[in-house]
């Protein structure tokens, strides 16, 4: 079975396709870094849409999502964006935790696994 690497870099790939499964790296908001959780979540979900499309999948095929927030007080703010974005009837399994992220300007990080 082949392995396809999408947007490969020296440390990680944006996504990896193996068989009929698409694994996305944790995505952060570069354009809206330092801005609100709403803006960062919107940007991240747009990045996820793009990576999934490049891999031959889409948000309706997401199996699992892991979400990291720097402050659980922003959980409802992130959920408002997520709920408007998630494919109706296709909500994935999901975990959300509070964690310190790679840089202080990042407030949200999201990684997903999807079927192709």
C-alpha atoms as a PDB file:
ATOM      1  CA  UNK A   1       0.000   0.000   0.000  1.00  0.00           C
ATOM      2  CA  UNK A   2       1.396   3.388  -0.949  1.00  0.00           C
ATOM      3  CA  UNK A   3       1.824   6.378   1.319  1.00  0.00           C
ATOM      4  CA  UNK A   4       1.076   9.853  -0.043  1.00  0.00           C
ATOM      5  CA  UNK A   5       2.486  12.868   1.813  1.00  0.00           C
ATOM      6  CA  UNK A   6       0.711  16.193   1.279  1.00  0.00           C
ATOM      7  CA  UNK A   7       2.617  19.409   1.919  1.00  0.00           C
ATOM      8  CA  UNK A   8       5.672  17.570   3.264  1.00  0.00           C
ATOM      9  CA  UNK A   9       8.214  19.519   5.253  1.00  0.00           C
ATOM     10  CA  UNK A  10      11.429  18.678   7.062  1.00  0.00           C
ATOM     11  CA  UNK A  11       9.613  18.001  10.355  1.00  0.00           C
ATOM     12  CA  UNK A  12       6.118  16.867   9.320  1.00  0.00           C
ATOM     13  CA  UNK A  13       3.620  16.671   6.496  1.00  0.00           C
ATOM     14  CA  UNK A  14       0.344  18.578   6.473  1.00  0.00           C
ATOM     15  CA  UNK A  15      -1.435  15.307   5.759  1.00  0.00           C
ATOM     16  CA  UNK A  16      -0.563  11.687   5.047  1.00  0.00           C
ATOM     17  CA  UNK A  17      -2.765   9.288   3.098  1.00  0.00           C
ATOM     18  CA  UNK A  18      -2.362   5.557   3.699  1.00  0.00           C
ATOM     19  CA  UNK A  19      -4.887   3.297   2.053  1.00  0.00           C
ATOM     20  CA  UNK A  20      -8.305   4.822   2.581  1.00  0.00           C
ATOM     21  CA  UNK A  21      -7.333   6.856   5.647  1.00  0.00           C
ATOM     22  CA  UNK A  22      -6.206  10.494   5.752  1.00  0.00           C
ATOM     23  CA  UNK A  23      -4.208  11.693   8.769  1.00  0.00           C
ATOM     24  CA  UNK A  24      -3.858  15.449   9.239  1.00  0.00           C
ATOM     25  CA  UNK A  25      -1.169  17.002  11.383  1.00  0.00           C
ATOM     26  CA  UNK A  26      -2.291  19.416  14.053  1.00  0.00           C
ATOM     27  CA  UNK A  27      -3.260  22.633  12.284  1.00  0.00           C
ATOM     28  CA  UNK A  28      -2.810  26.124  13.700  1.00  0.00           C
ATOM     29  CA  UNK A  29      -3.855  29.520  12.369  1.00  0.00           C
ATOM     30  CA  UNK A  30      -0.962  31.394  10.790  1.00  0.00           C
ATOM     31  CA  UNK A  31      -2.898  34.284   9.216  1.00  0.00           C
ATOM     32  CA  UNK A  32      -4.960  34.944  12.362  1.00  0.00           C
ATOM     33  CA  UNK A  33      -2.316  34.028  14.952  1.00  0.00           C
ATOM     34  CA  UNK A  34      -2.811  36.182  18.033  1.00  0.00           C
ATOM     35  CA  UNK A  35      -6.418  36.961  17.122  1.00  0.00           C
ATOM     36  CA  UNK A  36      -9.586  35.530  18.663  1.00  0.00           C
ATOM     37  CA  UNK A  37     -10.402  31.843  19.100  1.00  0.00           C
ATOM     38  CA  UNK A  38     -13.278  32.381  16.655  1.00  0.00           C
ATOM     39  CA  UNK A  39     -10.965  33.722  13.937  1.00  0.00           C
ATOM     40  CA  UNK A  40      -8.303  31.089  14.555  1.00  0.00           C
ATOM     41  CA  UNK A  41     -10.845  28.251  14.514  1.00  0.00           C
ATOM     42  CA  UNK A  42     -12.346  29.535  11.242  1.00  0.00           C
ATOM     43  CA  UNK A  43      -8.910  29.639   9.620  1.00  0.00           C
ATOM     44  CA  UNK A  44      -7.952  26.178  10.890  1.00  0.00           C
ATOM     45  CA  UNK A  45     -11.181  24.628   9.625  1.00  0.00           C
ATOM     46  CA  UNK A  46     -10.564  26.217   6.219  1.00  0.00           C
ATOM     47  CA  UNK A  47      -7.070  24.685   6.171  1.00  0.00           C
ATOM     48  CA  UNK A  48      -8.571  21.313   7.108  1.00  0.00           C
ATOM     49  CA  UNK A  49     -11.093  21.616   4.255  1.00  0.00           C
ATOM     50  CA  UNK A  50      -8.245  22.299   1.806  1.00  0.00           C
ATOM     51  CA  UNK A  51      -6.033  19.456   3.010  1.00  0.00           C
ATOM     52  CA  UNK A  52      -8.911  16.982   2.970  1.00  0.00           C
ATOM     53  CA  UNK A  53      -9.858  18.044  -0.578  1.00  0.00           C
ATOM     54  CA  UNK A  54      -6.259  17.596  -1.718  1.00  0.00           C
ATOM     55  CA  UNK A  55      -6.318  14.103  -0.182  1.00  0.00           C
ATOM     56  CA  UNK A  56      -9.595  13.220  -1.927  1.00  0.00           C
ATOM     57  CA  UNK A  57     -11.812  13.519   1.136  1.00  0.00           C
ATOM     58  CA  UNK A  58     -13.983  16.110   2.892  1.00  0.00           C
ATOM     59  CA  UNK A  59     -15.325  17.054   6.327  1.00  0.00           C
ATOM     60  CA  UNK A  60     -18.263  14.647   6.032  1.00  0.00           C
ATOM     61  CA  UNK A  61     -15.721  11.790   6.174  1.00  0.00           C
ATOM     62  CA  UNK A  62     -13.885  12.868   9.353  1.00  0.00           C
ATOM     63  CA  UNK A  63     -13.669   9.969  11.800  1.00  0.00           C
ATOM     64  CA  UNK A  64     -11.863  11.610  14.735  1.00  0.00           C
ATOM     65  CA  UNK A  65     -10.909  15.130  15.760  1.00  0.00           C
ATOM     66  CA  UNK A  66      -8.513  16.194  18.494  1.00  0.00           C
ATOM     67  CA  UNK A  67      -8.746  19.822  19.587  1.00  0.00           C
ATOM     68  CA  UNK A  68      -6.351  21.642  21.882  1.00  0.00           C
ATOM     69  CA  UNK A  69      -7.287  24.988  23.457  1.00  0.00           C
ATOM     70  CA  UNK A  70      -4.952  27.125  25.523  1.00  0.00           C
ATOM     71  CA  UNK A  71      -7.899  28.089  27.738  1.00  0.00           C
ATOM     72  CA  UNK A  72     -10.997  25.939  28.299  1.00  0.00           C
ATOM     73  CA  UNK A  73     -12.901  29.169  29.004  1.00  0.00           C
ATOM     74  CA  UNK A  74     -12.955  29.551  25.181  1.00  0.00           C
ATOM     75  CA  UNK A  75     -14.573  26.123  24.675  1.00  0.00           C
ATOM     76  CA  UNK A  76     -18.007  27.559  23.785  1.00  0.00           C
ATOM     77  CA  UNK A  77     -16.451  30.129  21.433  1.00  0.00           C
ATOM     78  CA  UNK A  78     -14.609  27.395  19.540  1.00  0.00           C
ATOM     79  CA  UNK A  79     -17.719  25.162  19.569  1.00  0.00           C
ATOM     80  CA  UNK A  80     -19.835  27.896  17.951  1.00  0.00           C
ATOM     81  CA  UNK A  81     -17.510  27.874  14.928  1.00  0.00           C
ATOM     82  CA  UNK A  82     -17.154  24.084  14.944  1.00  0.00           C
ATOM     83  CA  UNK A  83     -20.922  23.506  15.140  1.00  0.00           C
ATOM     84  CA  UNK A  84     -21.538  25.813  12.155  1.00  0.00           C
ATOM     85  CA  UNK A  85     -18.834  23.985  10.141  1.00  0.00           C
ATOM     86  CA  UNK A  86     -19.283  20.297  10.950  1.00  0.00           C
ATOM     87  CA  UNK A  87     -21.161  18.277   8.329  1.00  0.00           C
ATOM     88  CA  UNK A  88     -24.767  17.746   9.564  1.00  0.00           C
ATOM     89  CA  UNK A  89     -25.322  14.127  10.550  1.00  0.00           C
ATOM     90  CA  UNK A  90     -21.593  13.370  10.241  1.00  0.00           C
ATOM     91  CA  UNK A  91     -20.151  14.619  13.527  1.00  0.00           C
ATOM     92  CA  UNK A  92     -16.902  12.747  14.223  1.00  0.00           C
ATOM     93  CA  UNK A  93     -15.685  11.303  17.480  1.00  0.00           C
ATOM     94  CA  UNK A  94     -13.906  14.187  19.199  1.00  0.00           C
ATOM     95  CA  UNK A  95     -11.748  15.108  22.168  1.00  0.00           C
ATOM     96  CA  UNK A  96     -10.994  18.629  23.379  1.00  0.00           C
ATOM     97  CA  UNK A  97      -8.393  19.412  26.011  1.00  0.00           C
ATOM     98  CA  UNK A  98      -6.584  22.410  27.432  1.00  0.00           C
ATOM     99  CA  UNK A  99      -2.883  22.511  26.625  1.00  0.00           C
ATOM    100  CA  UNK A 100       0.021  24.859  26.156  1.00  0.00           C
ATOM    101  CA  UNK A 101       0.639  25.135  22.400  1.00  0.00           C
ATOM    102  CA  UNK A 102       3.879  25.587  20.451  1.00  0.00           C
ATOM    103  CA  UNK A 103       3.787  29.395  20.520  1.00  0.00           C
ATOM    104  CA  UNK A 104       1.806  31.887  22.623  1.00  0.00           C
ATOM    105  CA  UNK A 105      -0.012  33.418  19.618  1.00  0.00           C
ATOM    106  CA  UNK A 106      -1.762  30.098  18.945  1.00  0.00           C
ATOM    107  CA  UNK A 107      -4.965  29.569  20.931  1.00  0.00           C
ATOM    108  CA  UNK A 108      -6.352  26.543  19.035  1.00  0.00           C
ATOM    109  CA  UNK A 109      -4.878  23.489  17.323  1.00  0.00           C
ATOM    110  CA  UNK A 110      -6.941  20.845  15.543  1.00  0.00           C
ATOM    111  CA  UNK A 111      -5.915  17.453  14.108  1.00  0.00           C
ATOM    112  CA  UNK A 112      -8.274  15.090  12.296  1.00  0.00           C
ATOM    113  CA  UNK A 113      -8.331  11.596  10.844  1.00  0.00           C
ATOM    114  CA  UNK A 114     -10.695  10.997   7.935  1.00  0.00           C
ATOM    115  CA  UNK A 115     -11.779   8.262   5.567  1.00  0.00           C
ATOM    116  CA  UNK A 116     -10.908   8.854   1.946  1.00  0.00           C
END
